[in-house]
N, C-alpha and C. Protein backbone atom coordinates (compact mmCIF):
# COMPACT_ATOMS: atom_id res chain seq x y z
N MET A 1 -2.10 28.87 3.45
CA MET A 1 -2.96 28.08 2.59
C MET A 1 -2.17 26.88 2.05
N THR A 2 -2.78 25.73 2.05
CA THR A 2 -2.15 24.51 1.57
C THR A 2 -2.17 24.47 0.05
N ARG A 3 -1.03 24.10 -0.52
CA ARG A 3 -0.94 23.98 -1.98
C ARG A 3 -1.51 22.62 -2.39
N LEU A 4 -2.44 22.64 -3.30
CA LEU A 4 -3.08 21.41 -3.76
C LEU A 4 -2.26 20.76 -4.87
N PRO A 5 -2.28 19.43 -4.94
CA PRO A 5 -1.54 18.75 -6.01
C PRO A 5 -2.17 19.03 -7.38
N VAL A 6 -1.31 19.06 -8.39
CA VAL A 6 -1.74 19.32 -9.76
C VAL A 6 -1.11 18.26 -10.66
N ILE A 7 -1.87 17.76 -11.63
CA ILE A 7 -1.34 16.81 -12.60
C ILE A 7 -0.58 17.58 -13.67
N ASN A 8 0.68 17.24 -13.86
CA ASN A 8 1.50 17.84 -14.91
C ASN A 8 1.18 17.08 -16.20
N MET A 9 0.39 17.70 -17.06
CA MET A 9 -0.09 17.02 -18.26
C MET A 9 1.03 16.70 -19.23
N ALA A 10 1.98 17.63 -19.40
CA ALA A 10 3.08 17.40 -20.34
C ALA A 10 3.95 16.24 -19.88
N ALA A 11 4.30 16.21 -18.60
CA ALA A 11 5.14 15.13 -18.07
C ALA A 11 4.39 13.81 -18.08
N THR A 12 3.08 13.85 -17.83
CA THR A 12 2.28 12.63 -17.90
C THR A 12 2.27 12.10 -19.33
N GLY A 13 2.15 12.98 -20.30
CA GLY A 13 2.20 12.57 -21.71
C GLY A 13 3.52 11.94 -22.07
N GLN A 14 4.61 12.50 -21.53
CA GLN A 14 5.93 11.91 -21.77
C GLN A 14 6.01 10.52 -21.15
N ASN A 15 5.41 10.34 -19.97
CA ASN A 15 5.37 9.01 -19.35
C ASN A 15 4.61 8.02 -20.21
N ILE A 16 3.47 8.44 -20.73
CA ILE A 16 2.67 7.55 -21.57
C ILE A 16 3.48 7.13 -22.80
N THR A 17 4.16 8.08 -23.42
CA THR A 17 4.99 7.76 -24.59
C THR A 17 6.09 6.79 -24.22
N ARG A 18 6.79 7.07 -23.12
CA ARG A 18 7.90 6.20 -22.68
C ARG A 18 7.40 4.80 -22.35
N LEU A 19 6.30 4.71 -21.61
CA LEU A 19 5.77 3.40 -21.23
C LEU A 19 5.27 2.62 -22.45
N ARG A 20 4.65 3.33 -23.39
CA ARG A 20 4.19 2.66 -24.62
C ARG A 20 5.36 2.06 -25.37
N LYS A 21 6.43 2.84 -25.51
CA LYS A 21 7.62 2.34 -26.22
C LYS A 21 8.28 1.20 -25.47
N GLN A 22 8.35 1.29 -24.14
CA GLN A 22 8.93 0.21 -23.34
C GLN A 22 8.13 -1.08 -23.49
N ALA A 23 6.82 -0.93 -23.68
CA ALA A 23 5.95 -2.10 -23.86
C ALA A 23 6.03 -2.63 -25.28
N GLY A 24 6.75 -1.93 -26.15
CA GLY A 24 6.89 -2.36 -27.53
C GLY A 24 5.63 -2.16 -28.35
N LEU A 25 4.84 -1.17 -27.98
CA LEU A 25 3.57 -0.92 -28.67
C LEU A 25 3.67 0.33 -29.54
N THR A 26 3.02 0.28 -30.68
CA THR A 26 2.87 1.46 -31.53
C THR A 26 1.60 2.19 -31.10
N VAL A 27 1.45 3.40 -31.57
CA VAL A 27 0.21 4.14 -31.31
C VAL A 27 -0.98 3.38 -31.91
N THR A 28 -0.77 2.83 -33.09
CA THR A 28 -1.84 2.06 -33.75
C THR A 28 -2.24 0.84 -32.92
N ALA A 29 -1.27 0.15 -32.35
CA ALA A 29 -1.58 -1.01 -31.51
C ALA A 29 -2.37 -0.58 -30.28
N LEU A 30 -1.98 0.53 -29.66
CA LEU A 30 -2.70 1.04 -28.51
C LEU A 30 -4.12 1.47 -28.90
N GLN A 31 -4.24 2.07 -30.05
CA GLN A 31 -5.56 2.46 -30.57
C GLN A 31 -6.46 1.24 -30.69
N GLN A 32 -5.93 0.15 -31.19
CA GLN A 32 -6.70 -1.09 -31.35
C GLN A 32 -7.09 -1.69 -30.01
N ILE A 33 -6.18 -1.61 -29.03
CA ILE A 33 -6.50 -2.13 -27.69
C ILE A 33 -7.70 -1.39 -27.12
N PHE A 34 -7.73 -0.08 -27.31
CA PHE A 34 -8.84 0.73 -26.78
C PHE A 34 -10.08 0.68 -27.67
N GLY A 35 -9.91 0.25 -28.91
CA GLY A 35 -11.04 0.21 -29.82
C GLY A 35 -11.42 1.58 -30.36
N PHE A 36 -10.45 2.49 -30.36
CA PHE A 36 -10.70 3.84 -30.89
C PHE A 36 -10.72 3.80 -32.40
N ALA A 37 -11.59 4.60 -33.01
CA ALA A 37 -11.67 4.68 -34.47
C ALA A 37 -10.44 5.37 -35.06
N THR A 38 -9.89 6.34 -34.32
CA THR A 38 -8.70 7.06 -34.77
C THR A 38 -7.71 7.13 -33.60
N PRO A 39 -6.44 7.41 -33.87
CA PRO A 39 -5.45 7.47 -32.80
C PRO A 39 -5.35 8.86 -32.14
N GLN A 40 -6.23 9.77 -32.50
CA GLN A 40 -6.11 11.15 -32.05
C GLN A 40 -6.06 11.29 -30.53
N ALA A 41 -6.87 10.53 -29.80
CA ALA A 41 -6.88 10.63 -28.34
C ALA A 41 -5.51 10.26 -27.77
N ILE A 42 -4.90 9.22 -28.31
CA ILE A 42 -3.59 8.78 -27.82
C ILE A 42 -2.54 9.85 -28.10
N TYR A 43 -2.58 10.43 -29.29
CA TYR A 43 -1.64 11.50 -29.60
C TYR A 43 -1.84 12.69 -28.66
N LYS A 44 -3.08 13.02 -28.33
CA LYS A 44 -3.35 14.12 -27.40
C LYS A 44 -2.80 13.80 -26.01
N TRP A 45 -2.96 12.54 -25.57
CA TRP A 45 -2.39 12.15 -24.28
C TRP A 45 -0.88 12.34 -24.29
N GLN A 46 -0.24 11.86 -25.36
CA GLN A 46 1.22 11.91 -25.45
C GLN A 46 1.74 13.35 -25.51
N ARG A 47 0.99 14.25 -26.13
CA ARG A 47 1.40 15.66 -26.22
C ARG A 47 1.10 16.42 -24.93
N GLY A 48 0.29 15.84 -24.07
CA GLY A 48 -0.12 16.53 -22.86
C GLY A 48 -1.26 17.50 -23.11
N ALA A 49 -1.94 17.35 -24.23
CA ALA A 49 -3.08 18.21 -24.56
C ALA A 49 -4.36 17.74 -23.88
N ALA A 50 -4.38 16.47 -23.45
CA ALA A 50 -5.54 15.90 -22.77
C ALA A 50 -5.05 14.77 -21.88
N LEU A 51 -5.86 14.44 -20.89
CA LEU A 51 -5.55 13.31 -20.01
C LEU A 51 -6.52 12.17 -20.29
N PRO A 52 -6.05 10.93 -20.15
CA PRO A 52 -6.97 9.80 -20.27
C PRO A 52 -8.01 9.86 -19.16
N THR A 53 -9.19 9.35 -19.45
CA THR A 53 -10.22 9.25 -18.41
C THR A 53 -9.76 8.20 -17.39
N ILE A 54 -10.41 8.17 -16.26
CA ILE A 54 -10.03 7.23 -15.20
C ILE A 54 -10.09 5.79 -15.71
N ASP A 55 -11.14 5.42 -16.43
CA ASP A 55 -11.23 4.05 -16.93
C ASP A 55 -10.12 3.75 -17.93
N ASN A 56 -9.74 4.74 -18.74
CA ASN A 56 -8.64 4.53 -19.68
C ASN A 56 -7.29 4.46 -18.96
N LEU A 57 -7.15 5.20 -17.86
CA LEU A 57 -5.93 5.09 -17.06
C LEU A 57 -5.78 3.69 -16.47
N VAL A 58 -6.90 3.11 -16.05
CA VAL A 58 -6.87 1.74 -15.51
C VAL A 58 -6.40 0.77 -16.59
N ILE A 59 -6.91 0.94 -17.80
CA ILE A 59 -6.50 0.08 -18.92
C ILE A 59 -5.03 0.29 -19.26
N LEU A 60 -4.59 1.55 -19.32
CA LEU A 60 -3.19 1.84 -19.61
C LEU A 60 -2.28 1.18 -18.57
N ALA A 61 -2.65 1.29 -17.30
CA ALA A 61 -1.84 0.68 -16.24
C ALA A 61 -1.74 -0.83 -16.44
N ALA A 62 -2.84 -1.46 -16.82
CA ALA A 62 -2.82 -2.91 -17.05
C ALA A 62 -1.98 -3.26 -18.27
N VAL A 63 -2.14 -2.52 -19.35
CA VAL A 63 -1.40 -2.78 -20.58
C VAL A 63 0.10 -2.58 -20.36
N PHE A 64 0.46 -1.54 -19.60
CA PHE A 64 1.87 -1.22 -19.35
C PHE A 64 2.43 -1.98 -18.15
N ASN A 65 1.57 -2.76 -17.48
CA ASN A 65 1.98 -3.54 -16.30
C ASN A 65 2.59 -2.62 -15.24
N THR A 66 1.87 -1.56 -14.93
CA THR A 66 2.34 -0.58 -13.94
C THR A 66 1.12 -0.08 -13.17
N THR A 67 1.32 0.95 -12.37
CA THR A 67 0.22 1.54 -11.62
C THR A 67 -0.14 2.91 -12.22
N ILE A 68 -1.32 3.36 -11.89
CA ILE A 68 -1.74 4.69 -12.33
C ILE A 68 -0.77 5.74 -11.79
N ASN A 69 -0.28 5.54 -10.58
CA ASN A 69 0.68 6.49 -9.99
C ASN A 69 1.96 6.59 -10.79
N ASN A 70 2.32 5.54 -11.51
CA ASN A 70 3.52 5.58 -12.34
C ASN A 70 3.27 6.21 -13.71
N ILE A 71 2.01 6.43 -14.04
CA ILE A 71 1.64 7.08 -15.29
C ILE A 71 1.48 8.59 -15.06
N LEU A 72 0.74 8.95 -14.04
CA LEU A 72 0.49 10.35 -13.75
C LEU A 72 1.70 11.00 -13.08
N VAL A 73 1.96 12.24 -13.45
CA VAL A 73 2.99 13.03 -12.78
C VAL A 73 2.27 14.13 -12.02
N ILE A 74 2.35 14.05 -10.70
CA ILE A 74 1.65 15.00 -9.84
C ILE A 74 2.68 15.90 -9.15
N THR A 75 2.46 17.20 -9.29
CA THR A 75 3.39 18.15 -8.69
C THR A 75 2.70 19.02 -7.67
């Protein structure tokens, strides 16, 4: 049986945190870019408790000047 790829949520969250800091952005700044009322979604992404939706991944890739493949960690 072929092993299917799986998104490592914790490692993906660490990538989001690292890329956000490299971009010189605070969680609050990222919250404003997305137009979120609270920063809770971003904190959940960073903790690996949730993944961004596909449309939010596209925005993150643009904001971080990278690709979705560089955000997601697939094992």
